[in-house]
Full PDB file with SEQRES, HELIX, SHEET, SSBOND, CRYST1, ORIGX, SCALE, CONECT and MASTER records, all heavy atoms in Angstrom:
SEQRES   1 A   32  ASP VAL ALA ALA GLU LEU ILE PRO ASN ALA SER ILE GLN          
SEQRES   2 A   32  HIS VAL GLY MET TYR ARG ASP GLU ILE THR LEU LYS PRO          
SEQRES   3 A   32  VAL TRP TYR TYR ASP LYS                                      
HELIX    1 AA1 VAL A    2  LEU A    6  1                                   5    
SHEET    1 AA1 2 VAL A  15  ARG A  19  0                                        
SHEET    2 AA1 2 PRO A  26  ASP A  31 -1                                        
CRYST1    1.000    1.000    1.000  90.00  90.00  90.00 P 1           1          
ORIGX1      1.000000  0.000000  0.000000        0.00000                         
ORIGX2      0.000000  1.000000  0.000000        0.00000                         
ORIGX3      0.000000  0.000000  1.000000        0.00000                         
SCALE1      1.000000  0.000000  0.000000        0.00000                         
SCALE2      0.000000  1.000000  0.000000        0.00000                         
SCALE3      0.000000  0.000000  1.000000        0.00000                         
ATOM      1  N   ASP A   1      -6.209   9.633 -19.998  1.00  0.00           N  
ATOM      2  CA  ASP A   1      -6.955  10.302 -21.136  1.00  0.00           C  
ATOM      3  C   ASP A   1      -6.598  11.764 -21.284  1.00  0.00           C  
ATOM      4  O   ASP A   1      -6.455  12.258 -22.412  1.00  0.00           O  
ATOM      5  CB  ASP A   1      -8.526  10.195 -20.742  1.00  0.00           C  
ATOM      6  CG  ASP A   1      -9.049   8.737 -20.905  1.00  0.00           C  
ATOM      7  OD1 ASP A   1      -8.337   7.919 -21.473  1.00  0.00           O  
ATOM      8  OD2 ASP A   1     -10.158   8.532 -20.436  1.00  0.00           O  
ATOM      9  N   VAL A   2      -6.461  12.439 -20.172  1.00  0.00           N  
ATOM     10  CA  VAL A   2      -5.982  13.824 -20.216  1.00  0.00           C  
ATOM     11  C   VAL A   2      -4.592  13.916 -20.787  1.00  0.00           C  
ATOM     12  O   VAL A   2      -4.326  14.774 -21.682  1.00  0.00           O  
ATOM     13  CB  VAL A   2      -5.894  14.428 -18.765  1.00  0.00           C  
ATOM     14  CG1 VAL A   2      -5.288  15.760 -18.753  1.00  0.00           C  
ATOM     15  CG2 VAL A   2      -7.285  14.461 -18.192  1.00  0.00           C  
ATOM     16  N   ALA A   3      -3.705  13.077 -20.402  1.00  0.00           N  
ATOM     17  CA  ALA A   3      -2.240  13.137 -20.894  1.00  0.00           C  
ATOM     18  C   ALA A   3      -2.226  12.869 -22.450  1.00  0.00           C  
ATOM     19  O   ALA A   3      -1.506  13.527 -23.184  1.00  0.00           O  
ATOM     20  CB  ALA A   3      -1.413  12.005 -20.223  1.00  0.00           C  
ATOM     21  N   ALA A   4      -3.102  11.949 -22.852  1.00  0.00           N  
ATOM     22  CA  ALA A   4      -3.113  11.660 -24.347  1.00  0.00           C  
ATOM     23  C   ALA A   4      -3.621  12.853 -25.150  1.00  0.00           C  
ATOM     24  O   ALA A   4      -3.213  13.018 -26.286  1.00  0.00           O  
ATOM     25  CB  ALA A   4      -3.949  10.371 -24.577  1.00  0.00           C  
ATOM     26  N   GLU A   5      -4.558  13.571 -24.557  1.00  0.00           N  
ATOM     27  CA  GLU A   5      -5.005  14.741 -25.265  1.00  0.00           C  
ATOM     28  C   GLU A   5      -3.956  15.842 -25.319  1.00  0.00           C  
ATOM     29  O   GLU A   5      -3.835  16.598 -26.310  1.00  0.00           O  
ATOM     30  CB  GLU A   5      -6.349  15.285 -24.592  1.00  0.00           C  
ATOM     31  CG  GLU A   5      -7.578  14.449 -24.713  1.00  0.00           C  
ATOM     32  CD  GLU A   5      -8.737  15.010 -24.018  1.00  0.00           C  
ATOM     33  OE1 GLU A   5      -8.678  16.104 -23.596  1.00  0.00           O  
ATOM     34  OE2 GLU A   5      -9.760  14.290 -23.901  1.00  0.00           O  
ATOM     35  N   LEU A   6      -3.215  15.985 -24.267  1.00  0.00           N  
ATOM     36  CA  LEU A   6      -2.231  17.050 -24.236  1.00  0.00           C  
ATOM     37  C   LEU A   6      -1.023  16.728 -25.069  1.00  0.00           C  
ATOM     38  O   LEU A   6      -0.425  17.612 -25.760  1.00  0.00           O  
ATOM     39  CB  LEU A   6      -1.707  17.291 -22.788  1.00  0.00           C  
ATOM     40  CG  LEU A   6      -2.779  17.904 -21.843  1.00  0.00           C  
ATOM     41  CD1 LEU A   6      -2.273  17.902 -20.409  1.00  0.00           C  
ATOM     42  CD2 LEU A   6      -3.059  19.314 -22.257  1.00  0.00           C  
ATOM     43  N   ILE A   7      -0.576  15.479 -25.114  1.00  0.00           N  
ATOM     44  CA  ILE A   7       0.542  14.988 -25.937  1.00  0.00           C  
ATOM     45  C   ILE A   7       0.146  13.721 -26.683  1.00  0.00           C  
ATOM     46  O   ILE A   7       0.372  12.616 -26.282  1.00  0.00           O  
ATOM     47  CB  ILE A   7       1.764  14.716 -25.074  1.00  0.00           C  
ATOM     48  CG1 ILE A   7       2.107  15.925 -24.123  1.00  0.00           C  
ATOM     49  CG2 ILE A   7       3.039  14.464 -25.971  1.00  0.00           C  
ATOM     50  CD1 ILE A   7       3.342  15.700 -23.344  1.00  0.00           C  
ATOM     51  N   PRO A   8      -0.513  14.004 -27.891  1.00  0.00           N  
ATOM     52  CA  PRO A   8      -1.121  12.805 -28.604  1.00  0.00           C  
ATOM     53  C   PRO A   8      -0.127  11.778 -29.071  1.00  0.00           C  
ATOM     54  O   PRO A   8      -0.462  10.662 -29.203  1.00  0.00           O  
ATOM     55  CB  PRO A   8      -1.828  13.512 -29.848  1.00  0.00           C  
ATOM     56  CG  PRO A   8      -2.070  14.947 -29.392  1.00  0.00           C  
ATOM     57  CD  PRO A   8      -0.892  15.241 -28.416  1.00  0.00           C  
ATOM     58  N   ASN A   9       1.113  12.221 -29.303  1.00  0.00           N  
ATOM     59  CA  ASN A   9       2.071  11.291 -29.852  1.00  0.00           C  
ATOM     60  C   ASN A   9       2.788  10.466 -28.697  1.00  0.00           C  
ATOM     61  O   ASN A   9       3.690   9.585 -28.997  1.00  0.00           O  
ATOM     62  CB  ASN A   9       3.215  12.005 -30.583  1.00  0.00           C  
ATOM     63  CG  ASN A   9       2.646  12.554 -31.941  1.00  0.00           C  
ATOM     64  OD1 ASN A   9       1.785  11.993 -32.466  1.00  0.00           O  
ATOM     65  ND2 ASN A   9       3.154  13.668 -32.414  1.00  0.00           N  
ATOM     66  N   ALA A  10       2.428  10.732 -27.460  1.00  0.00           N  
ATOM     67  CA  ALA A  10       3.035  10.036 -26.381  1.00  0.00           C  
ATOM     68  C   ALA A  10       2.601   8.531 -26.415  1.00  0.00           C  
ATOM     69  O   ALA A  10       1.539   8.195 -26.940  1.00  0.00           O  
ATOM     70  CB  ALA A  10       2.680  10.551 -25.050  1.00  0.00           C  
ATOM     71  N   SER A  11       3.423   7.640 -25.790  1.00  0.00           N  
ATOM     72  CA  SER A  11       3.049   6.204 -25.692  1.00  0.00           C  
ATOM     73  C   SER A  11       2.312   6.060 -24.394  1.00  0.00           C  
ATOM     74  O   SER A  11       2.795   6.461 -23.328  1.00  0.00           O  
ATOM     75  CB  SER A  11       4.260   5.361 -25.801  1.00  0.00           C  
ATOM     76  OG  SER A  11       3.987   3.987 -25.570  1.00  0.00           O  
ATOM     77  N   ILE A  12       1.164   5.310 -24.410  1.00  0.00           N  
ATOM     78  CA  ILE A  12       0.453   5.035 -23.166  1.00  0.00           C  
ATOM     79  C   ILE A  12       0.711   3.483 -22.886  1.00  0.00           C  
ATOM     80  O   ILE A  12       0.295   2.629 -23.676  1.00  0.00           O  
ATOM     81  CB  ILE A  12      -1.027   5.256 -23.318  1.00  0.00           C  
ATOM     82  CG1 ILE A  12      -1.367   6.667 -23.863  1.00  0.00           C  
ATOM     83  CG2 ILE A  12      -1.780   5.033 -22.025  1.00  0.00           C  
ATOM     84  CD1 ILE A  12      -0.893   7.800 -22.954  1.00  0.00           C  
ATOM     85  N   GLN A  13       1.409   3.286 -21.758  1.00  0.00           N  
ATOM     86  CA  GLN A  13       1.781   1.892 -21.429  1.00  0.00           C  
ATOM     87  C   GLN A  13       1.154   1.540 -20.020  1.00  0.00           C  
ATOM     88  O   GLN A  13       1.630   2.015 -19.011  1.00  0.00           O  
ATOM     89  CB  GLN A  13       3.362   1.843 -21.451  1.00  0.00           C  
ATOM     90  CG  GLN A  13       3.901   2.097 -22.741  1.00  0.00           C  
ATOM     91  CD  GLN A  13       5.430   1.849 -22.793  1.00  0.00           C  
ATOM     92  OE1 GLN A  13       6.058   1.428 -21.915  1.00  0.00           O  
ATOM     93  NE2 GLN A  13       6.000   2.251 -24.003  1.00  0.00           N  
ATOM     94  N   HIS A  14       0.216   0.736 -20.109  1.00  0.00           N  
ATOM     95  CA  HIS A  14      -0.569   0.425 -18.906  1.00  0.00           C  
ATOM     96  C   HIS A  14       0.123  -0.564 -18.007  1.00  0.00           C  
ATOM     97  O   HIS A  14       0.781  -1.551 -18.525  1.00  0.00           O  
ATOM     98  CB  HIS A  14      -1.944  -0.144 -19.224  1.00  0.00           C  
ATOM     99  CG  HIS A  14      -2.773   0.823 -20.127  1.00  0.00           C  
ATOM    100  ND1 HIS A  14      -2.658   0.774 -21.443  1.00  0.00           N  
ATOM    101  CD2 HIS A  14      -3.710   1.729 -19.709  1.00  0.00           C  
ATOM    102  CE1 HIS A  14      -3.493   1.699 -21.975  1.00  0.00           C  
ATOM    103  NE2 HIS A  14      -4.176   2.280 -20.976  1.00  0.00           N  
ATOM    104  N   VAL A  15       0.026  -0.331 -16.718  1.00  0.00           N  
ATOM    105  CA  VAL A  15       0.493  -1.309 -15.727  1.00  0.00           C  
ATOM    106  C   VAL A  15      -0.646  -1.590 -14.720  1.00  0.00           C  
ATOM    107  O   VAL A  15      -1.406  -0.676 -14.349  1.00  0.00           O  
ATOM    108  CB  VAL A  15       1.730  -0.868 -14.938  1.00  0.00           C  
ATOM    109  CG1 VAL A  15       2.987  -0.795 -15.912  1.00  0.00           C  
ATOM    110  CG2 VAL A  15       1.541   0.449 -14.239  1.00  0.00           C  
ATOM    111  N   GLY A  16      -0.901  -2.905 -14.448  1.00  0.00           N  
ATOM    112  CA  GLY A  16      -2.112  -3.192 -13.629  1.00  0.00           C  
ATOM    113  C   GLY A  16      -1.700  -3.992 -12.387  1.00  0.00           C  
ATOM    114  O   GLY A  16      -0.887  -5.002 -12.464  1.00  0.00           O  
ATOM    115  N   MET A  17      -2.242  -3.568 -11.348  1.00  0.00           N  
ATOM    116  CA  MET A  17      -2.038  -4.264 -10.031  1.00  0.00           C  
ATOM    117  C   MET A  17      -3.209  -4.001  -9.153  1.00  0.00           C  
ATOM    118  O   MET A  17      -3.852  -2.856  -9.264  1.00  0.00           O  
ATOM    119  CB  MET A  17      -0.685  -3.928  -9.427  1.00  0.00           C  
ATOM    120  CG  MET A  17      -0.569  -2.616  -8.939  1.00  0.00           C  
ATOM    121  SD  MET A  17       1.137  -2.147  -8.471  1.00  0.00           S  
ATOM    122  CE  MET A  17       1.886  -1.852 -10.079  1.00  0.00           C  
ATOM    123  N   TYR A  18      -3.565  -4.837  -8.186  1.00  0.00           N  
ATOM    124  CA  TYR A  18      -4.562  -4.588  -7.210  1.00  0.00           C  
ATOM    125  C   TYR A  18      -3.992  -4.787  -5.828  1.00  0.00           C  
ATOM    126  O   TYR A  18      -2.938  -5.391  -5.726  1.00  0.00           O  
ATOM    127  CB  TYR A  18      -5.822  -5.508  -7.390  1.00  0.00           C  
ATOM    128  CG  TYR A  18      -5.544  -6.920  -7.176  1.00  0.00           C  
ATOM    129  CD1 TYR A  18      -5.618  -7.470  -5.910  1.00  0.00           C  
ATOM    130  CD2 TYR A  18      -5.290  -7.784  -8.285  1.00  0.00           C  
ATOM    131  CE1 TYR A  18      -5.435  -8.796  -5.707  1.00  0.00           C  
ATOM    132  CE2 TYR A  18      -5.079  -9.125  -8.032  1.00  0.00           C  
ATOM    133  CZ  TYR A  18      -5.096  -9.660  -6.764  1.00  0.00           C  
ATOM    134  OH  TYR A  18      -4.900 -11.013  -6.601  1.00  0.00           O  
ATOM    135  N   ARG A  19      -4.594  -4.171  -4.879  1.00  0.00           N  
ATOM    136  CA  ARG A  19      -3.979  -4.163  -3.542  1.00  0.00           C  
ATOM    137  C   ARG A  19      -4.644  -5.327  -2.755  1.00  0.00           C  
ATOM    138  O   ARG A  19      -5.914  -5.428  -2.686  1.00  0.00           O  
ATOM    139  CB  ARG A  19      -4.263  -2.790  -2.801  1.00  0.00           C  
ATOM    140  CG  ARG A  19      -3.654  -2.755  -1.455  1.00  0.00           C  
ATOM    141  CD  ARG A  19      -3.828  -1.408  -0.826  1.00  0.00           C  
ATOM    142  NE  ARG A  19      -5.197  -1.007  -0.676  1.00  0.00           N  
ATOM    143  CZ  ARG A  19      -5.566   0.199  -0.148  1.00  0.00           C  
ATOM    144  NH1 ARG A  19      -4.599   0.989   0.277  1.00  0.00           N  
ATOM    145  NH2 ARG A  19      -6.849   0.504   0.016  1.00  0.00           N  
ATOM    146  N   ASP A  20      -3.797  -6.140  -2.224  1.00  0.00           N  
ATOM    147  CA  ASP A  20      -4.253  -7.206  -1.266  1.00  0.00           C  
ATOM    148  C   ASP A  20      -4.805  -6.529  -0.014  1.00  0.00           C  
ATOM    149  O   ASP A  20      -4.060  -5.759   0.650  1.00  0.00           O  
ATOM    150  CB  ASP A  20      -3.138  -8.078  -0.923  1.00  0.00           C  
ATOM    151  CG  ASP A  20      -3.536  -9.323  -0.028  1.00  0.00           C  
ATOM    152  OD1 ASP A  20      -4.109  -9.114   1.086  1.00  0.00           O  
ATOM    153  OD2 ASP A  20      -3.366 -10.415  -0.505  1.00  0.00           O  
ATOM    154  N   GLU A  21      -6.045  -6.673   0.264  1.00  0.00           N  
ATOM    155  CA  GLU A  21      -6.732  -5.929   1.373  1.00  0.00           C  
ATOM    156  C   GLU A  21      -6.235  -6.307   2.719  1.00  0.00           C  
ATOM    157  O   GLU A  21      -6.529  -5.618   3.723  1.00  0.00           O  
ATOM    158  CB  GLU A  21      -8.228  -6.079   1.218  1.00  0.00           C  
ATOM    159  CG  GLU A  21      -8.843  -5.440   0.010  1.00  0.00           C  
ATOM    160  CD  GLU A  21      -8.562  -3.959  -0.019  1.00  0.00           C  
ATOM    161  OE1 GLU A  21      -8.463  -3.304   1.004  1.00  0.00           O  
ATOM    162  OE2 GLU A  21      -8.390  -3.373  -1.184  1.00  0.00           O  
ATOM    163  N   ILE A  22      -5.512  -7.461   2.821  1.00  0.00           N  
ATOM    164  CA  ILE A  22      -4.934  -7.875   4.144  1.00  0.00           C  
ATOM    165  C   ILE A  22      -3.482  -7.411   4.312  1.00  0.00           C  
ATOM    166  O   ILE A  22      -3.214  -6.764   5.325  1.00  0.00           O  
ATOM    167  CB  ILE A  22      -4.988  -9.421   4.194  1.00  0.00           C  
ATOM    168  CG1 ILE A  22      -6.472  -9.868   4.275  1.00  0.00           C  
ATOM    169  CG2 ILE A  22      -4.350  -9.891   5.504  1.00  0.00           C  
ATOM    170  CD1 ILE A  22      -6.594 -11.404   4.242  1.00  0.00           C  
ATOM    171  N   THR A  23      -2.695  -7.644   3.343  1.00  0.00           N  
ATOM    172  CA  THR A  23      -1.266  -7.232   3.433  1.00  0.00           C  
ATOM    173  C   THR A  23      -1.027  -5.818   2.884  1.00  0.00           C  
ATOM    174  O   THR A  23       0.031  -5.188   3.270  1.00  0.00           O  
ATOM    175  CB  THR A  23      -0.367  -8.162   2.603  1.00  0.00           C  
ATOM    176  OG1 THR A  23      -0.642  -8.026   1.221  1.00  0.00           O  
ATOM    177  CG2 THR A  23      -0.668  -9.622   3.042  1.00  0.00           C  
ATOM    178  N   LEU A  24      -1.941  -5.228   2.127  1.00  0.00           N  
ATOM    179  CA  LEU A  24      -1.859  -3.941   1.496  1.00  0.00           C  
ATOM    180  C   LEU A  24      -0.696  -3.984   0.497  1.00  0.00           C  
ATOM    181  O   LEU A  24      -0.329  -2.843   0.101  1.00  0.00           O  
ATOM    182  CB  LEU A  24      -1.620  -2.814   2.498  1.00  0.00           C  
ATOM    183  CG  LEU A  24      -2.786  -2.659   3.579  1.00  0.00           C  
ATOM    184  CD1 LEU A  24      -2.427  -1.449   4.468  1.00  0.00           C  
ATOM    185  CD2 LEU A  24      -4.151  -2.558   3.044  1.00  0.00           C  
ATOM    186  N   LYS A  25      -0.184  -5.035   0.098  1.00  0.00           N  
ATOM    187  CA  LYS A  25       0.813  -5.135  -0.929  1.00  0.00           C  
ATOM    188  C   LYS A  25       0.228  -5.316  -2.344  1.00  0.00           C  
ATOM    189  O   LYS A  25      -0.885  -5.867  -2.458  1.00  0.00           O  
ATOM    190  CB  LYS A  25       1.742  -6.388  -0.656  1.00  0.00           C  
ATOM    191  CG  LYS A  25       2.478  -6.346   0.695  1.00  0.00           C  
ATOM    192  CD  LYS A  25       3.426  -5.248   0.791  1.00  0.00           C  
ATOM    193  CE  LYS A  25       4.183  -5.251   2.113  1.00  0.00           C  
ATOM    194  NZ  LYS A  25       5.063  -4.087   2.227  1.00  0.00           N  
ATOM    195  N   PRO A  26       0.907  -4.789  -3.355  1.00  0.00           N  
ATOM    196  CA  PRO A  26       0.375  -4.801  -4.706  1.00  0.00           C  
ATOM    197  C   PRO A  26       0.524  -6.221  -5.299  1.00  0.00           C  
ATOM    198  O   PRO A  26       1.529  -6.944  -5.052  1.00  0.00           O  
ATOM    199  CB  PRO A  26       1.217  -3.811  -5.469  1.00  0.00           C  
ATOM    200  CG  PRO A  26       2.577  -3.787  -4.736  1.00  0.00           C  
ATOM    201  CD  PRO A  26       2.214  -4.049  -3.329  1.00  0.00           C  
ATOM    202  N   VAL A  27      -0.463  -6.669  -6.068  1.00  0.00           N  
ATOM    203  CA  VAL A  27      -0.509  -7.904  -6.804  1.00  0.00           C  
ATOM    204  C   VAL A  27      -0.546  -7.639  -8.342  1.00  0.00           C  
ATOM    205  O   VAL A  27      -1.590  -7.006  -8.753  1.00  0.00           O  
ATOM    206  CB  VAL A  27      -1.658  -8.760  -6.374  1.00  0.00           C  
ATOM    207  CG1 VAL A  27      -1.610 -10.100  -7.125  1.00  0.00           C  
ATOM    208  CG2 VAL A  27      -1.629  -9.067  -4.869  1.00  0.00           C  
ATOM    209  N   TRP A  28       0.458  -7.935  -9.067  1.00  0.00           N  
ATOM    210  CA  TRP A  28       0.503  -7.675 -10.450  1.00  0.00           C  
ATOM    211  C   TRP A  28      -0.514  -8.508 -11.265  1.00  0.00           C  
ATOM    212  O   TRP A  28      -0.694  -9.668 -10.927  1.00  0.00           O  
ATOM    213  CB  TRP A  28       1.884  -7.879 -10.964  1.00  0.00           C  
ATOM    214  CG  TRP A  28       2.886  -6.772 -10.691  1.00  0.00           C  
ATOM    215  CD1 TRP A  28       3.678  -6.662  -9.604  1.00  0.00           C  
ATOM    216  CD2 TRP A  28       3.145  -5.565 -11.381  1.00  0.00           C  
ATOM    217  NE1 TRP A  28       4.460  -5.549  -9.599  1.00  0.00           N  
ATOM    218  CE2 TRP A  28       4.080  -4.832 -10.708  1.00  0.00           C  
ATOM    219  CE3 TRP A  28       2.566  -5.070 -12.627  1.00  0.00           C  
ATOM    220  CZ2 TRP A  28       4.609  -3.617 -11.152  1.00  0.00           C  
ATOM    221  CZ3 TRP A  28       3.075  -3.894 -13.046  1.00  0.00           C  
ATOM    222  CH2 TRP A  28       4.057  -3.117 -12.386  1.00  0.00           C  
ATOM    223  N   TYR A  29      -1.172  -7.948 -12.202  1.00  0.00           N  
ATOM    224  CA  TYR A  29      -1.969  -8.724 -13.128  1.00  0.00           C  
ATOM    225  C   TYR A  29      -1.806  -8.261 -14.592  1.00  0.00           C  
ATOM    226  O   TYR A  29      -2.294  -8.938 -15.517  1.00  0.00           O  
ATOM    227  CB  TYR A  29      -3.391  -8.734 -12.755  1.00  0.00           C  
ATOM    228  CG  TYR A  29      -4.112  -7.368 -12.852  1.00  0.00           C  
ATOM    229  CD1 TYR A  29      -4.669  -6.940 -14.068  1.00  0.00           C  
ATOM    230  CD2 TYR A  29      -4.239  -6.533 -11.762  1.00  0.00           C  
ATOM    231  CE1 TYR A  29      -5.357  -5.683 -14.119  1.00  0.00           C  
ATOM    232  CE2 TYR A  29      -4.861  -5.372 -11.902  1.00  0.00           C  
ATOM    233  CZ  TYR A  29      -5.368  -4.927 -13.011  1.00  0.00           C  
ATOM    234  OH  TYR A  29      -6.036  -3.724 -13.141  1.00  0.00           O  
ATOM    235  N   TYR A  30      -1.119  -7.127 -14.803  1.00  0.00           N  
ATOM    236  CA  TYR A  30      -0.986  -6.661 -16.252  1.00  0.00           C  
ATOM    237  C   TYR A  30       0.284  -5.756 -16.300  1.00  0.00           C  
ATOM    238  O   TYR A  30       0.599  -4.966 -15.386  1.00  0.00           O  
ATOM    239  CB  TYR A  30      -2.187  -5.862 -16.609  1.00  0.00           C  
ATOM    240  CG  TYR A  30      -2.300  -5.520 -18.109  1.00  0.00           C  
ATOM    241  CD1 TYR A  30      -2.683  -6.501 -18.982  1.00  0.00           C  
ATOM    242  CD2 TYR A  30      -1.993  -4.241 -18.560  1.00  0.00           C  
ATOM    243  CE1 TYR A  30      -2.763  -6.195 -20.381  1.00  0.00           C  
ATOM    244  CE2 TYR A  30      -2.067  -3.947 -19.911  1.00  0.00           C  
ATOM    245  CZ  TYR A  30      -2.413  -4.906 -20.774  1.00  0.00           C  
ATOM    246  OH  TYR A  30      -2.547  -4.638 -22.141  1.00  0.00           O  
ATOM    247  N   ASP A  31       0.987  -5.954 -17.451  1.00  0.00           N  
ATOM    248  CA  ASP A  31       2.193  -5.119 -17.711  1.00  0.00           C  
ATOM    249  C   ASP A  31       2.387  -5.003 -19.185  1.00  0.00           C  
ATOM    250  O   ASP A  31       2.705  -5.923 -19.922  1.00  0.00           O  
ATOM    251  CB  ASP A  31       3.438  -5.860 -17.097  1.00  0.00           C  
ATOM    252  CG  ASP A  31       4.782  -5.140 -17.395  1.00  0.00           C  
ATOM    253  OD1 ASP A  31       4.655  -4.011 -17.916  1.00  0.00           O  
ATOM    254  OD2 ASP A  31       5.850  -5.670 -17.096  1.00  0.00           O  
ATOM    255  N   LYS A  32       2.140  -3.744 -19.650  1.00  0.00           N  
ATOM    256  CA  LYS A  32       2.254  -3.485 -21.113  1.00  0.00           C  
ATOM    257  C   LYS A  32       3.500  -2.628 -21.388  1.00  0.00           C  
ATOM    258  O   LYS A  32       3.514  -1.796 -22.286  1.00  0.00           O  
ATOM    259  CB  LYS A  32       0.990  -2.746 -21.586  1.00  0.00           C  
ATOM    260  CG  LYS A  32       0.793  -2.647 -23.095  1.00  0.00           C  
ATOM    261  CD  LYS A  32       0.749  -4.024 -23.775  1.00  0.00           C  
ATOM    262  CE  LYS A  32       0.519  -3.942 -25.210  1.00  0.00           C  
ATOM    263  NZ  LYS A  32       0.584  -5.282 -25.926  1.00  0.00           N  
TER     264      LYS A  32                                                      
MASTER        0    0    0    1    2    0    0    6  263    1    0    3          
END                                                                             
């Protein structure tokens, strides 16, 4: 949100992952 205010013409490309609480490894669920 801060970045978009500072540079409004920038592209915001979300990446989503959560951490497996046992292995501590990332699990992907979103890639824009």
